Amino acid sequence: MKKITIILAFVMSVAAASAQHMDHSKAKSVVSTELTPLQKTVKYQELNKAMRELWSAHMYWTLITVDAFYNDPKGLEAKLNRLLQNQKDIGAAIVPFYGREAGDKLAQLLTEHIQGAVPVLQSAQSGDKEALDKAVKDWYANAKEIGDFLSAANPKNWTAEETGGALEMHITHTIDYSVSILKGDYSQSFGGFEEALNHMLHLADILTDGLAKQFPDRFMN
């Protein structure tokens, strides 16, 4: 009975969370004429590959850390530390464009993003609905903060609605497949993870495109 209560609390949290994220089905899909030539350059393709690898790693290490939280306490610390390193790596990726201070700030915000997941998982495991609702709300607030930070760095190409909304959707996806892991439904969690991964690869593309449009001279062969 207790496990059922815990799962229901987490599912209710997902339902509440889903109401907060933006509808990405209406996201811009038309590539601008100014971007098309840049996408063919080696430097663009190298950056896009790096961005996709960084955000894929973010997704992979998040998945196995969530699983370790519930099922592998001995391996949790090592997996969490690797996930935290990924946040530093993502911050370092923007240093060539915005400087060390901005890279460190992004790494800090992403580290807080990872730390914010802990009370969500803890309260879901304990079945504390009130604590769970607060933890999820705080987690979404951090996503907005990251989105606002990115938008401020490149307001013409990264709107706060787009970047913040993408990160909010990431949280919703993470909660969704975490519910499946908590329930022990791994087949469902794999499907949820693949959907989440595809979404984050889209974010990696958005970030690459925005950098290319803001700094076109850096992408010429």
N, C-alpha and C. Protein backbone atom coordinates (compact mmCIF):
# COMPACT_ATOMS: atom_id res chain seq x y z
N MET A 1 0.82 -1.20 0.00
CA MET A 1 0.00 0.00 0.00
C MET A 1 0.86 1.26 0.00
N LYS A 2 1.95 1.22 0.80
CA LYS A 2 2.81 2.41 0.86
C LYS A 2 3.43 2.70 -0.50
N LYS A 3 3.88 1.63 -1.20
CA LYS A 3 4.50 1.85 -2.51
C LYS A 3 3.50 2.44 -3.49
N ILE A 4 2.27 1.98 -3.42
CA ILE A 4 1.23 2.52 -4.30
C ILE A 4 1.02 4.00 -4.02
N THR A 5 1.01 4.37 -2.75
CA THR A 5 0.84 5.77 -2.37
C THR A 5 1.98 6.63 -2.91
N ILE A 6 3.22 6.10 -2.79
CA ILE A 6 4.38 6.83 -3.28
C ILE A 6 4.26 7.07 -4.78
N ILE A 7 3.93 6.01 -5.52
CA ILE A 7 3.84 6.11 -6.97
C ILE A 7 2.74 7.09 -7.37
N LEU A 8 1.61 7.02 -6.68
CA LEU A 8 0.52 7.94 -7.00
C LEU A 8 0.94 9.38 -6.76
N ALA A 9 1.70 9.61 -5.70
CA ALA A 9 2.17 10.96 -5.42
C ALA A 9 3.07 11.47 -6.53
N PHE A 10 3.94 10.60 -7.01
CA PHE A 10 4.84 10.98 -8.08
C PHE A 10 4.07 11.23 -9.38
N VAL A 11 3.11 10.37 -9.68
CA VAL A 11 2.30 10.54 -10.89
C VAL A 11 1.52 11.84 -10.84
N MET A 12 0.97 12.17 -9.67
CA MET A 12 0.24 13.43 -9.52
C MET A 12 1.18 14.61 -9.76
N SER A 13 2.43 14.46 -9.33
CA SER A 13 3.41 15.51 -9.57
C SER A 13 3.66 15.69 -11.05
N VAL A 14 3.73 14.59 -11.78
CA VAL A 14 3.93 14.67 -13.22
C VAL A 14 2.77 15.40 -13.88
N ALA A 15 1.56 15.08 -13.46
CA ALA A 15 0.38 15.73 -14.03
C ALA A 15 0.42 17.23 -13.80
N ALA A 16 0.82 17.62 -12.60
CA ALA A 16 0.92 19.05 -12.30
C ALA A 16 2.03 19.69 -13.11
N ALA A 17 3.14 18.96 -13.24
CA ALA A 17 4.27 19.50 -13.97
C ALA A 17 3.95 19.66 -15.45
N SER A 18 3.22 18.73 -15.99
CA SER A 18 2.93 18.77 -17.42
C SER A 18 2.16 20.02 -17.80
N ALA A 19 1.42 20.56 -16.88
CA ALA A 19 0.64 21.77 -17.17
C ALA A 19 1.53 23.00 -17.27
N GLN A 20 2.80 22.86 -16.82
CA GLN A 20 3.67 24.04 -16.77
C GLN A 20 4.53 24.22 -18.01
N HIS A 21 4.79 23.14 -18.77
CA HIS A 21 5.73 23.29 -19.87
C HIS A 21 5.03 23.75 -21.13
N MET A 22 5.84 24.35 -22.01
CA MET A 22 5.28 24.90 -23.22
C MET A 22 5.03 23.81 -24.26
N ASP A 23 4.20 24.12 -25.23
CA ASP A 23 3.89 23.20 -26.32
C ASP A 23 4.96 23.35 -27.40
N HIS A 24 5.85 22.36 -27.50
CA HIS A 24 6.93 22.46 -28.46
C HIS A 24 6.51 22.00 -29.84
N SER A 25 5.31 21.57 -30.01
CA SER A 25 4.85 21.19 -31.33
C SER A 25 4.77 22.41 -32.25
N LYS A 26 4.76 23.60 -31.64
CA LYS A 26 4.67 24.83 -32.41
C LYS A 26 6.04 25.51 -32.54
N ALA A 27 7.09 24.79 -32.17
CA ALA A 27 8.43 25.38 -32.24
C ALA A 27 8.81 25.67 -33.67
N LYS A 28 9.67 26.67 -33.83
CA LYS A 28 10.08 27.06 -35.17
C LYS A 28 10.83 25.92 -35.85
N SER A 29 10.43 25.62 -37.08
CA SER A 29 11.06 24.54 -37.81
C SER A 29 11.72 25.01 -39.11
N VAL A 30 11.52 26.29 -39.45
CA VAL A 30 12.06 26.82 -40.69
C VAL A 30 13.49 27.33 -40.45
N VAL A 31 14.42 26.81 -41.21
CA VAL A 31 15.81 27.24 -41.09
C VAL A 31 16.00 28.52 -41.89
N SER A 32 16.56 29.56 -41.28
CA SER A 32 16.73 30.83 -41.97
C SER A 32 17.77 30.71 -43.07
N THR A 33 17.64 31.57 -44.07
CA THR A 33 18.57 31.54 -45.19
C THR A 33 19.99 31.90 -44.76
N GLU A 34 20.11 32.72 -43.69
CA GLU A 34 21.44 33.10 -43.21
C GLU A 34 22.13 31.93 -42.53
N LEU A 35 21.38 30.98 -42.00
CA LEU A 35 21.96 29.87 -41.28
C LEU A 35 22.35 28.72 -42.20
N THR A 36 21.63 28.52 -43.27
CA THR A 36 21.86 27.37 -44.15
C THR A 36 23.31 27.23 -44.60
N PRO A 37 23.96 28.29 -45.10
CA PRO A 37 25.36 28.14 -45.51
C PRO A 37 26.28 27.77 -44.34
N LEU A 38 26.00 28.32 -43.15
CA LEU A 38 26.84 28.05 -41.99
C LEU A 38 26.75 26.59 -41.56
N GLN A 39 25.56 26.00 -41.71
CA GLN A 39 25.37 24.61 -41.30
C GLN A 39 26.20 23.64 -42.13
N LYS A 40 26.70 24.09 -43.27
CA LYS A 40 27.49 23.23 -44.14
C LYS A 40 28.98 23.31 -43.82
N THR A 41 29.37 24.21 -42.93
CA THR A 41 30.79 24.37 -42.64
C THR A 41 31.28 23.32 -41.64
N VAL A 42 32.56 23.05 -41.69
CA VAL A 42 33.17 22.07 -40.78
C VAL A 42 33.04 22.54 -39.34
N LYS A 43 33.26 23.83 -39.10
CA LYS A 43 33.21 24.33 -37.72
C LYS A 43 31.81 24.22 -37.13
N TYR A 44 30.79 24.46 -37.94
CA TYR A 44 29.43 24.28 -37.45
C TYR A 44 29.19 22.83 -37.09
N GLN A 45 29.56 21.94 -37.96
CA GLN A 45 29.31 20.51 -37.75
C GLN A 45 30.08 19.99 -36.54
N GLU A 46 31.29 20.52 -36.33
CA GLU A 46 32.06 20.11 -35.16
C GLU A 46 31.39 20.57 -33.87
N LEU A 47 30.91 21.81 -33.87
CA LEU A 47 30.23 22.32 -32.68
C LEU A 47 28.93 21.56 -32.43
N ASN A 48 28.18 21.31 -33.48
CA ASN A 48 26.92 20.59 -33.31
C ASN A 48 27.15 19.18 -32.77
N LYS A 49 28.19 18.54 -33.26
CA LYS A 49 28.54 17.20 -32.77
C LYS A 49 28.90 17.26 -31.29
N ALA A 50 29.69 18.27 -30.91
CA ALA A 50 30.09 18.41 -29.52
C ALA A 50 28.89 18.69 -28.62
N MET A 51 28.00 19.59 -29.07
CA MET A 51 26.81 19.92 -28.29
C MET A 51 25.92 18.68 -28.11
N ARG A 52 25.74 17.94 -29.18
CA ARG A 52 24.91 16.74 -29.09
C ARG A 52 25.53 15.70 -28.16
N GLU A 53 26.83 15.58 -28.18
CA GLU A 53 27.49 14.63 -27.28
C GLU A 53 27.35 15.07 -25.82
N LEU A 54 27.50 16.37 -25.57
CA LEU A 54 27.37 16.87 -24.21
C LEU A 54 25.98 16.66 -23.64
N TRP A 55 24.95 16.98 -24.44
CA TRP A 55 23.59 16.83 -23.94
C TRP A 55 23.13 15.38 -23.93
N SER A 56 23.70 14.56 -24.81
CA SER A 56 23.43 13.11 -24.73
C SER A 56 24.01 12.55 -23.44
N ALA A 57 25.22 13.00 -23.09
CA ALA A 57 25.85 12.57 -21.84
C ALA A 57 25.03 13.03 -20.64
N HIS A 58 24.53 14.25 -20.73
CA HIS A 58 23.65 14.77 -19.67
C HIS A 58 22.47 13.83 -19.45
N MET A 59 21.87 13.39 -20.54
CA MET A 59 20.71 12.51 -20.46
C MET A 59 21.11 11.13 -19.94
N TYR A 60 22.18 10.58 -20.46
CA TYR A 60 22.61 9.23 -20.07
C TYR A 60 22.95 9.18 -18.59
N TRP A 61 23.77 10.12 -18.13
CA TRP A 61 24.18 10.07 -16.72
C TRP A 61 23.03 10.42 -15.78
N THR A 62 22.07 11.23 -16.26
CA THR A 62 20.88 11.47 -15.45
C THR A 62 20.09 10.18 -15.27
N LEU A 63 19.90 9.46 -16.36
CA LEU A 63 19.16 8.19 -16.31
C LEU A 63 19.78 7.22 -15.32
N ILE A 64 21.08 6.98 -15.45
CA ILE A 64 21.67 5.95 -14.59
C ILE A 64 21.81 6.44 -13.14
N THR A 65 21.87 7.77 -12.95
CA THR A 65 21.91 8.28 -11.58
C THR A 65 20.54 8.13 -10.92
N VAL A 66 19.48 8.40 -11.64
CA VAL A 66 18.13 8.18 -11.11
C VAL A 66 17.95 6.71 -10.74
N ASP A 67 18.37 5.83 -11.64
CA ASP A 67 18.24 4.40 -11.37
C ASP A 67 19.07 4.00 -10.15
N ALA A 68 20.28 4.56 -10.04
CA ALA A 68 21.13 4.26 -8.89
C ALA A 68 20.51 4.76 -7.59
N PHE A 69 19.84 5.90 -7.64
CA PHE A 69 19.21 6.45 -6.45
C PHE A 69 18.22 5.45 -5.85
N TYR A 70 17.45 4.82 -6.73
CA TYR A 70 16.44 3.87 -6.26
C TYR A 70 16.95 2.45 -6.09
N ASN A 71 17.96 2.07 -6.89
CA ASN A 71 18.29 0.65 -6.96
C ASN A 71 19.75 0.30 -6.73
N ASP A 72 20.64 1.27 -6.70
CA ASP A 72 22.07 0.97 -6.57
C ASP A 72 22.75 2.00 -5.69
N PRO A 73 22.45 2.01 -4.39
CA PRO A 73 23.02 3.04 -3.50
C PRO A 73 24.54 3.02 -3.46
N LYS A 74 25.15 1.85 -3.63
CA LYS A 74 26.61 1.79 -3.60
C LYS A 74 27.24 2.49 -4.80
N GLY A 75 26.55 2.48 -5.92
CA GLY A 75 27.09 3.11 -7.12
C GLY A 75 26.64 4.54 -7.31
N LEU A 76 25.79 5.04 -6.41
CA LEU A 76 25.18 6.35 -6.60
C LEU A 76 26.20 7.48 -6.62
N GLU A 77 27.12 7.49 -5.68
CA GLU A 77 28.06 8.62 -5.58
C GLU A 77 28.91 8.76 -6.84
N ALA A 78 29.44 7.65 -7.33
CA ALA A 78 30.30 7.71 -8.51
C ALA A 78 29.52 8.19 -9.73
N LYS A 79 28.30 7.72 -9.88
CA LYS A 79 27.48 8.12 -11.03
C LYS A 79 27.05 9.58 -10.91
N LEU A 80 26.72 10.01 -9.71
CA LEU A 80 26.35 11.40 -9.51
C LEU A 80 27.52 12.33 -9.79
N ASN A 81 28.71 11.95 -9.35
CA ASN A 81 29.89 12.77 -9.59
C ASN A 81 30.17 12.91 -11.09
N ARG A 82 29.96 11.82 -11.83
CA ARG A 82 30.16 11.89 -13.28
C ARG A 82 29.12 12.80 -13.93
N LEU A 83 27.90 12.75 -13.43
CA LEU A 83 26.85 13.63 -13.93
C LEU A 83 27.18 15.08 -13.64
N LEU A 84 27.69 15.37 -12.46
CA LEU A 84 28.06 16.73 -12.11
C LEU A 84 29.20 17.25 -12.98
N GLN A 85 30.13 16.37 -13.34
CA GLN A 85 31.22 16.78 -14.23
C GLN A 85 30.67 17.20 -15.58
N ASN A 86 29.63 16.54 -16.03
CA ASN A 86 29.02 16.88 -17.32
C ASN A 86 28.51 18.32 -17.32
N GLN A 87 28.05 18.80 -16.18
CA GLN A 87 27.54 20.17 -16.12
C GLN A 87 28.68 21.18 -16.30
N LYS A 88 29.84 20.84 -15.77
CA LYS A 88 31.02 21.68 -15.97
C LYS A 88 31.44 21.66 -17.44
N ASP A 89 31.33 20.49 -18.05
CA ASP A 89 31.70 20.35 -19.46
C ASP A 89 30.79 21.20 -20.35
N ILE A 90 29.50 21.20 -20.04
CA ILE A 90 28.56 22.02 -20.83
C ILE A 90 28.86 23.50 -20.64
N GLY A 91 29.16 23.90 -19.42
CA GLY A 91 29.53 25.30 -19.17
C GLY A 91 30.78 25.68 -19.94
N ALA A 92 31.75 24.77 -19.98
CA ALA A 92 33.00 25.06 -20.69
C ALA A 92 32.78 25.23 -22.19
N ALA A 93 31.73 24.62 -22.72
CA ALA A 93 31.47 24.68 -24.17
C ALA A 93 31.11 26.09 -24.64
N ILE A 94 30.61 26.93 -23.74
CA ILE A 94 30.25 28.29 -24.16
C ILE A 94 31.33 29.31 -23.85
N VAL A 95 32.40 28.88 -23.18
CA VAL A 95 33.48 29.81 -22.83
C VAL A 95 34.10 30.48 -24.05
N PRO A 96 34.36 29.76 -25.15
CA PRO A 96 34.95 30.43 -26.32
C PRO A 96 34.08 31.55 -26.89
N PHE A 97 32.80 31.54 -26.59
CA PHE A 97 31.88 32.53 -27.12
C PHE A 97 31.56 33.65 -26.13
N TYR A 98 31.41 33.28 -24.85
CA TYR A 98 30.93 34.26 -23.87
C TYR A 98 31.91 34.51 -22.72
N GLY A 99 33.00 33.76 -22.66
CA GLY A 99 33.98 33.98 -21.60
C GLY A 99 33.83 33.03 -20.43
N ARG A 100 34.87 33.02 -19.60
CA ARG A 100 34.92 32.09 -18.47
C ARG A 100 33.82 32.35 -17.45
N GLU A 101 33.54 33.60 -17.16
CA GLU A 101 32.52 33.91 -16.15
C GLU A 101 31.16 33.35 -16.56
N ALA A 102 30.79 33.52 -17.81
CA ALA A 102 29.51 32.99 -18.29
C ALA A 102 29.50 31.47 -18.27
N GLY A 103 30.63 30.86 -18.66
CA GLY A 103 30.70 29.40 -18.64
C GLY A 103 30.55 28.86 -17.23
N ASP A 104 31.20 29.52 -16.28
CA ASP A 104 31.09 29.09 -14.87
C ASP A 104 29.67 29.26 -14.35
N LYS A 105 29.01 30.35 -14.79
CA LYS A 105 27.64 30.59 -14.34
C LYS A 105 26.70 29.53 -14.88
N LEU A 106 26.86 29.16 -16.15
CA LEU A 106 26.01 28.11 -16.70
C LEU A 106 26.26 26.79 -15.99
N ALA A 107 27.53 26.48 -15.74
CA ALA A 107 27.85 25.25 -15.01
C ALA A 107 27.22 25.25 -13.62
N GLN A 108 27.23 26.41 -12.96
CA GLN A 108 26.62 26.53 -11.63
C GLN A 108 25.12 26.27 -11.69
N LEU A 109 24.45 26.90 -12.67
CA LEU A 109 23.01 26.73 -12.79
C LEU A 109 22.64 25.28 -13.11
N LEU A 110 23.45 24.65 -13.95
CA LEU A 110 23.19 23.25 -14.30
C LEU A 110 23.49 22.32 -13.12
N THR A 111 24.49 22.69 -12.32
CA THR A 111 24.76 21.92 -11.10
C THR A 111 23.58 22.01 -10.15
N GLU A 112 23.01 23.20 -10.03
CA GLU A 112 21.82 23.37 -9.21
C GLU A 112 20.63 22.58 -9.77
N HIS A 113 20.61 22.46 -11.10
CA HIS A 113 19.59 21.64 -11.76
C HIS A 113 19.70 20.19 -11.30
N ILE A 114 20.92 19.67 -11.22
CA ILE A 114 21.11 18.30 -10.77
C ILE A 114 20.79 18.17 -9.28
N GLN A 115 21.26 19.12 -8.50
CA GLN A 115 21.00 19.09 -7.06
C GLN A 115 19.50 19.19 -6.77
N GLY A 116 18.78 19.93 -7.63
CA GLY A 116 17.34 20.08 -7.44
C GLY A 116 16.57 18.81 -7.66
N ALA A 117 17.17 17.86 -8.35
CA ALA A 117 16.49 16.58 -8.58
C ALA A 117 16.46 15.73 -7.31
N VAL A 118 17.43 15.93 -6.43
CA VAL A 118 17.55 15.08 -5.25
C VAL A 118 16.31 15.13 -4.36
N PRO A 119 15.83 16.33 -3.95
CA PRO A 119 14.63 16.35 -3.12
C PRO A 119 13.39 15.81 -3.84
N VAL A 120 13.37 15.92 -5.17
CA VAL A 120 12.25 15.34 -5.93
C VAL A 120 12.25 13.83 -5.75
N LEU A 121 13.40 13.21 -5.96
CA LEU A 121 13.50 11.76 -5.83
C LEU A 121 13.29 11.31 -4.38
N GLN A 122 13.84 12.06 -3.45
CA GLN A 122 13.70 11.70 -2.03
C GLN A 122 12.25 11.75 -1.58
N SER A 123 11.56 12.83 -1.92
CA SER A 123 10.17 12.97 -1.47
C SER A 123 9.25 11.99 -2.18
N ALA A 124 9.58 11.64 -3.43
CA ALA A 124 8.80 10.62 -4.13
C ALA A 124 8.98 9.28 -3.47
N GLN A 125 10.21 8.98 -3.06
CA GLN A 125 10.49 7.70 -2.41
C GLN A 125 9.81 7.59 -1.05
N SER A 126 9.76 8.72 -0.33
CA SER A 126 9.15 8.70 1.01
C SER A 126 7.64 8.85 0.97
N GLY A 127 7.11 9.30 -0.18
CA GLY A 127 5.67 9.48 -0.29
C GLY A 127 5.17 10.77 0.33
N ASP A 128 6.07 11.75 0.48
CA ASP A 128 5.71 13.04 1.08
C ASP A 128 5.20 13.95 -0.03
N LYS A 129 3.91 14.02 -0.23
CA LYS A 129 3.31 14.76 -1.33
C LYS A 129 3.60 16.26 -1.25
N GLU A 130 3.51 16.82 -0.06
CA GLU A 130 3.75 18.26 0.10
C GLU A 130 5.18 18.61 -0.27
N ALA A 131 6.14 17.81 0.22
CA ALA A 131 7.54 18.05 -0.11
C ALA A 131 7.80 17.84 -1.59
N LEU A 132 7.13 16.87 -2.17
CA LEU A 132 7.29 16.58 -3.59
C LEU A 132 6.83 17.75 -4.45
N ASP A 133 5.67 18.30 -4.13
CA ASP A 133 5.15 19.43 -4.89
C ASP A 133 6.11 20.62 -4.84
N LYS A 134 6.66 20.88 -3.65
CA LYS A 134 7.60 22.01 -3.50
C LYS A 134 8.88 21.74 -4.29
N ALA A 135 9.37 20.50 -4.21
CA ALA A 135 10.62 20.16 -4.90
C ALA A 135 10.47 20.30 -6.41
N VAL A 136 9.33 19.85 -6.94
CA VAL A 136 9.09 19.96 -8.37
C VAL A 136 8.97 21.43 -8.78
N LYS A 137 8.29 22.22 -7.99
CA LYS A 137 8.14 23.65 -8.29
C LYS A 137 9.52 24.32 -8.33
N ASP A 138 10.37 23.99 -7.35
CA ASP A 138 11.71 24.58 -7.30
C ASP A 138 12.54 24.13 -8.51
N TRP A 139 12.34 22.90 -8.92
CA TRP A 139 13.09 22.36 -10.06
C TRP A 139 12.72 23.11 -11.35
N TYR A 140 11.44 23.37 -11.52
CA TYR A 140 11.00 24.14 -12.67
C TYR A 140 11.50 25.59 -12.62
N ALA A 141 11.59 26.14 -11.43
CA ALA A 141 12.09 27.52 -11.29
C ALA A 141 13.54 27.60 -11.75
N ASN A 142 14.32 26.57 -11.45
CA ASN A 142 15.70 26.52 -11.90
C ASN A 142 15.78 26.44 -13.43
N ALA A 143 14.87 25.66 -14.04
CA ALA A 143 14.84 25.56 -15.50
C ALA A 143 14.59 26.93 -16.13
N LYS A 144 13.70 27.69 -15.53
CA LYS A 144 13.42 29.04 -16.03
C LYS A 144 14.65 29.93 -15.89
N GLU A 145 15.35 29.77 -14.79
CA GLU A 145 16.55 30.59 -14.56
C GLU A 145 17.62 30.29 -15.61
N ILE A 146 17.79 29.01 -15.94
CA ILE A 146 18.75 28.64 -16.98
C ILE A 146 18.31 29.21 -18.32
N GLY A 147 17.03 29.07 -18.62
CA GLY A 147 16.51 29.61 -19.87
C GLY A 147 16.70 31.11 -19.97
N ASP A 148 16.46 31.82 -18.89
CA ASP A 148 16.65 33.27 -18.87
C ASP A 148 18.11 33.65 -19.08
N PHE A 149 19.00 32.87 -18.47
CA PHE A 149 20.43 33.13 -18.60
C PHE A 149 20.87 32.97 -20.06
N LEU A 150 20.45 31.90 -20.69
CA LEU A 150 20.82 31.67 -22.09
C LEU A 150 20.23 32.75 -22.99
N SER A 151 18.99 33.11 -22.73
CA SER A 151 18.34 34.13 -23.55
C SER A 151 19.04 35.48 -23.42
N ALA A 152 19.49 35.79 -22.23
CA ALA A 152 20.19 37.07 -22.02
C ALA A 152 21.50 37.12 -22.79
N ALA A 153 22.13 35.95 -22.97
CA ALA A 153 23.39 35.89 -23.70
C ALA A 153 23.19 36.03 -25.20
N ASN A 154 22.04 35.61 -25.69
CA ASN A 154 21.79 35.61 -27.14
C ASN A 154 20.31 35.87 -27.40
N PRO A 155 19.83 37.06 -27.05
CA PRO A 155 18.39 37.33 -27.08
C PRO A 155 17.75 37.26 -28.47
N LYS A 156 18.50 37.51 -29.51
CA LYS A 156 17.93 37.48 -30.86
C LYS A 156 17.65 36.05 -31.33
N ASN A 157 18.40 35.10 -30.81
CA ASN A 157 18.31 33.73 -31.33
C ASN A 157 17.86 32.69 -30.31
N TRP A 158 17.94 33.01 -29.02
CA TRP A 158 17.46 32.11 -27.97
C TRP A 158 16.44 32.86 -27.12
N THR A 159 15.18 32.71 -27.42
CA THR A 159 14.17 33.36 -26.59
C THR A 159 14.04 32.62 -25.28
N ALA A 160 13.65 33.35 -24.24
CA ALA A 160 13.46 32.73 -22.93
C ALA A 160 12.37 31.67 -22.99
N GLU A 161 11.37 31.91 -23.81
CA GLU A 161 10.29 30.93 -23.95
C GLU A 161 10.82 29.63 -24.55
N GLU A 162 11.71 29.75 -25.52
CA GLU A 162 12.22 28.57 -26.20
C GLU A 162 13.20 27.79 -25.33
N THR A 163 14.20 28.49 -24.78
CA THR A 163 15.21 27.80 -23.98
C THR A 163 14.65 27.33 -22.64
N GLY A 164 13.91 28.23 -21.96
CA GLY A 164 13.30 27.83 -20.69
C GLY A 164 12.28 26.72 -20.89
N GLY A 165 11.49 26.85 -21.94
CA GLY A 165 10.49 25.82 -22.22
C GLY A 165 11.11 24.47 -22.51
N ALA A 166 12.24 24.48 -23.23
CA ALA A 166 12.93 23.22 -23.53
C ALA A 166 13.43 22.55 -22.26
N LEU A 167 13.96 23.35 -21.34
CA LEU A 167 14.46 22.79 -20.09
C LEU A 167 13.33 22.34 -19.17
N GLU A 168 12.22 23.04 -19.21
CA GLU A 168 11.05 22.60 -18.45
C GLU A 168 10.54 21.26 -18.98
N MET A 169 10.53 21.13 -20.30
CA MET A 169 10.12 19.87 -20.90
C MET A 169 11.07 18.74 -20.51
N HIS A 170 12.36 19.06 -20.44
CA HIS A 170 13.35 18.08 -19.99
C HIS A 170 13.01 17.56 -18.60
N ILE A 171 12.63 18.47 -17.71
CA ILE A 171 12.26 18.05 -16.36
C ILE A 171 11.02 17.16 -16.39
N THR A 172 10.03 17.55 -17.17
CA THR A 172 8.82 16.75 -17.28
C THR A 172 9.14 15.34 -17.77
N HIS A 173 9.99 15.25 -18.80
CA HIS A 173 10.39 13.94 -19.31
C HIS A 173 11.12 13.13 -18.24
N THR A 174 12.01 13.81 -17.50
CA THR A 174 12.79 13.11 -16.48
C THR A 174 11.88 12.57 -15.38
N ILE A 175 10.92 13.38 -14.96
CA ILE A 175 9.96 12.92 -13.96
C ILE A 175 9.18 11.72 -14.49
N ASP A 176 8.81 11.80 -15.75
CA ASP A 176 8.00 10.74 -16.36
C ASP A 176 8.73 9.40 -16.33
N TYR A 177 9.98 9.36 -16.83
CA TYR A 177 10.66 8.06 -16.83
C TYR A 177 11.15 7.66 -15.43
N SER A 178 11.32 8.63 -14.53
CA SER A 178 11.66 8.30 -13.15
C SER A 178 10.51 7.59 -12.46
N VAL A 179 9.29 7.99 -12.79
CA VAL A 179 8.11 7.28 -12.27
C VAL A 179 8.16 5.82 -12.68
N SER A 180 8.51 5.58 -13.93
CA SER A 180 8.58 4.20 -14.43
C SER A 180 9.66 3.42 -13.71
N ILE A 181 10.80 4.05 -13.44
CA ILE A 181 11.87 3.37 -12.70
C ILE A 181 11.42 3.06 -11.28
N LEU A 182 10.76 4.02 -10.64
CA LEU A 182 10.25 3.81 -9.29
C LEU A 182 9.27 2.65 -9.25
N LYS A 183 8.47 2.52 -10.30
CA LYS A 183 7.49 1.43 -10.39
C LYS A 183 8.14 0.11 -10.80
N GLY A 184 9.38 0.16 -11.25
CA GLY A 184 10.04 -1.05 -11.71
C GLY A 184 9.66 -1.42 -13.13
N ASP A 185 9.06 -0.49 -13.86
CA ASP A 185 8.63 -0.73 -15.24
C ASP A 185 9.73 -0.22 -16.17
N TYR A 186 10.74 -1.05 -16.40
CA TYR A 186 11.89 -0.59 -17.16
C TYR A 186 11.60 -0.45 -18.65
N SER A 187 10.74 -1.28 -19.19
CA SER A 187 10.38 -1.13 -20.59
C SER A 187 9.78 0.25 -20.85
N GLN A 188 8.91 0.69 -19.95
CA GLN A 188 8.30 2.02 -20.08
C GLN A 188 9.35 3.11 -19.88
N SER A 189 10.26 2.91 -18.96
CA SER A 189 11.27 3.93 -18.70
C SER A 189 12.20 4.11 -19.89
N PHE A 190 12.49 3.03 -20.60
CA PHE A 190 13.37 3.14 -21.77
C PHE A 190 12.71 3.99 -22.85
N GLY A 191 11.43 3.75 -23.07
CA GLY A 191 10.70 4.55 -24.05
C GLY A 191 10.66 6.01 -23.67
N GLY A 192 10.43 6.27 -22.38
CA GLY A 192 10.40 7.65 -21.90
C GLY A 192 11.76 8.32 -22.03
N PHE A 193 12.81 7.55 -21.77
CA PHE A 193 14.15 8.11 -21.90
C PHE A 193 14.47 8.46 -23.35
N GLU A 194 14.10 7.61 -24.28
CA GLU A 194 14.38 7.88 -25.69
C GLU A 194 13.67 9.15 -26.15
N GLU A 195 12.45 9.35 -25.68
CA GLU A 195 11.72 10.58 -26.02
C GLU A 195 12.44 11.79 -25.43
N ALA A 196 12.91 11.64 -24.19
CA ALA A 196 13.63 12.73 -23.53
C ALA A 196 14.94 13.04 -24.25
N LEU A 197 15.63 11.99 -24.68
CA LEU A 197 16.90 12.18 -25.38
C LEU A 197 16.70 12.93 -26.70
N ASN A 198 15.71 12.53 -27.46
CA ASN A 198 15.44 13.20 -28.73
C ASN A 198 15.13 14.68 -28.51
N HIS A 199 14.42 14.97 -27.44
CA HIS A 199 14.10 16.36 -27.12
C HIS A 199 15.36 17.16 -26.82
N MET A 200 16.27 16.57 -26.06
CA MET A 200 17.47 17.30 -25.70
C MET A 200 18.44 17.45 -26.86
N LEU A 201 18.41 16.53 -27.80
CA LEU A 201 19.20 16.70 -29.02
C LEU A 201 18.68 17.89 -29.82
N HIS A 202 17.36 18.10 -29.76
CA HIS A 202 16.77 19.27 -30.41
C HIS A 202 17.28 20.55 -29.74
N LEU A 203 17.39 20.54 -28.41
CA LEU A 203 17.94 21.70 -27.70
C LEU A 203 19.39 21.93 -28.11
N ALA A 204 20.17 20.86 -28.24
CA ALA A 204 21.56 21.00 -28.67
C ALA A 204 21.64 21.67 -30.04
N ASP A 205 20.72 21.33 -30.92
CA ASP A 205 20.67 21.95 -32.25
C ASP A 205 20.30 23.43 -32.15
N ILE A 206 19.35 23.74 -31.28
CA ILE A 206 18.95 25.13 -31.09
C ILE A 206 20.14 25.97 -30.59
N LEU A 207 20.89 25.41 -29.65
CA LEU A 207 22.05 26.13 -29.11
C LEU A 207 23.11 26.33 -30.19
N THR A 208 23.36 25.29 -30.98
CA THR A 208 24.35 25.41 -32.06
C THR A 208 23.92 26.46 -33.08
N ASP A 209 22.67 26.40 -33.47
CA ASP A 209 22.16 27.36 -34.46
C ASP A 209 22.28 28.79 -33.93
N GLY A 210 21.94 28.98 -32.67
CA GLY A 210 22.00 30.32 -32.09
C GLY A 210 23.41 30.87 -32.06
N LEU A 211 24.37 30.01 -31.72
CA LEU A 211 25.76 30.46 -31.70
C LEU A 211 26.25 30.80 -33.11
N ALA A 212 25.88 29.98 -34.07
CA ALA A 212 26.30 30.23 -35.46
C ALA A 212 25.72 31.54 -35.98
N LYS A 213 24.49 31.83 -35.62
CA LYS A 213 23.86 33.07 -36.10
C LYS A 213 24.39 34.30 -35.36
N GLN A 214 24.78 34.13 -34.10
CA GLN A 214 25.31 35.26 -33.34
C GLN A 214 26.77 35.55 -33.69
N PHE A 215 27.53 34.49 -34.01
CA PHE A 215 28.95 34.63 -34.31
C PHE A 215 29.28 34.00 -35.67
N PRO A 216 28.67 34.47 -36.74
CA PRO A 216 28.84 33.81 -38.04
C PRO A 216 30.29 33.76 -38.52
N ASP A 217 31.09 34.78 -38.19
CA ASP A 217 32.48 34.82 -38.65
C ASP A 217 33.31 33.66 -38.11
N ARG A 218 32.90 33.11 -36.96
CA ARG A 218 33.66 32.02 -36.34
C ARG A 218 33.38 30.67 -36.99
N PHE A 219 32.42 30.64 -37.90
CA PHE A 219 32.03 29.38 -38.50
C PHE A 219 32.38 29.29 -39.98
N MET A 220 33.15 30.25 -40.44
CA MET A 220 33.58 30.21 -41.82
C MET A 220 34.80 29.29 -41.94
N ASN A 221 34.82 28.50 -43.00
CA ASN A 221 35.97 27.59 -43.21
C ASN A 221 37.22 28.39 -43.56
